[in-house]
Protein backbone atom coordinates (compact mmCIF):
# COMPACT_ATOMS: atom_id res chain seq x y z
CA UNK A 1 0.00 0.00 0.00
CA UNK A 2 1.42 3.36 -1.02
CA UNK A 3 1.91 6.04 1.58
CA UNK A 4 -0.12 9.17 1.31
CA UNK A 5 2.02 12.23 0.72
CA UNK A 6 1.12 15.10 2.96
CA UNK A 7 1.33 18.62 1.67
CA UNK A 8 3.62 20.59 3.97
CA UNK A 9 2.06 23.39 5.96
CA UNK A 10 3.33 26.89 5.44
CA UNK A 11 3.44 29.86 7.76
CA UNK A 12 3.02 33.46 6.64
CA UNK A 13 5.21 35.79 8.69
CA UNK A 14 4.86 39.57 8.70
CA UNK A 15 7.25 41.97 10.43
CA UNK A 16 5.10 44.41 12.43
CA UNK A 17 7.67 46.04 14.72
CA UNK A 18 11.22 47.19 14.21
CA UNK A 19 14.06 45.19 15.76
CA UNK A 20 15.90 48.42 16.65
CA UNK A 21 16.50 48.51 20.38
CA UNK A 22 16.41 44.72 20.76
CA UNK A 23 19.34 42.36 21.15
CA UNK A 24 21.61 41.39 18.26
CA UNK A 25 20.23 37.84 18.42
CA UNK A 26 16.72 39.15 17.78
CA UNK A 27 17.91 41.25 14.83
CA UNK A 28 19.77 38.26 13.34
CA UNK A 29 16.72 36.03 13.79
CA UNK A 30 14.48 38.51 11.95
CA UNK A 31 17.01 38.64 9.07
CA UNK A 32 17.29 34.84 9.01
CA UNK A 33 13.51 34.66 8.60
CA UNK A 34 13.94 36.69 5.41
CA UNK A 35 12.41 39.90 6.73
CA UNK A 36 14.02 43.23 5.91
CA UNK A 37 11.41 45.95 6.42
CA UNK A 38 8.22 46.52 8.38
CA UNK A 39 5.06 45.13 6.74
CA UNK A 40 7.10 42.72 4.63
CA UNK A 41 5.57 39.24 4.46
CA UNK A 42 7.31 35.94 3.71
CA UNK A 43 6.08 32.36 3.58
CA UNK A 44 8.16 29.60 5.15
CA UNK A 45 7.64 25.86 5.61
CA UNK A 46 6.42 25.00 9.10
CA UNK A 47 9.30 23.18 10.79
CA UNK A 48 10.44 22.86 14.42
CA UNK A 49 13.44 25.09 13.64
CA UNK A 50 11.16 27.81 12.28
CA UNK A 51 8.86 27.52 15.29
CA UNK A 52 11.81 28.10 17.62
CA UNK A 53 12.85 31.20 15.68
CA UNK A 54 9.29 32.56 15.77
CA UNK A 55 9.04 31.94 19.50
CA UNK A 56 12.15 34.07 20.01
CA UNK A 57 10.79 37.10 18.09
CA UNK A 58 7.03 36.65 18.55
CA UNK A 59 6.74 40.24 19.85
CA UNK A 60 8.04 41.58 16.50
CA UNK A 61 6.10 39.48 14.00
CA UNK A 62 2.57 38.41 13.12
CA UNK A 63 2.14 34.71 12.33
CA UNK A 64 -0.60 33.18 10.16
CA UNK A 65 -0.76 29.43 9.63
CA UNK A 66 -1.81 28.26 6.17
CA UNK A 67 -2.43 25.00 4.38
CA UNK A 68 -0.29 24.44 1.32
CA UNK A 69 -2.06 24.20 -2.00
């Protein structure tokens, strides 16, 4: 019996606050997420690594979970 392939979930991340005034680790995490300016939105695959990064900067970003198409 063939396994069913699951479509990976994605997460839409929007930068809503500036990282100025926060630690260097927070600034580097925001950059590693692919965010460069306020109101910029990126989509990333939902992985445990990504969840850890989002937990670190949850006060700077808005997170929306989405189903992949």
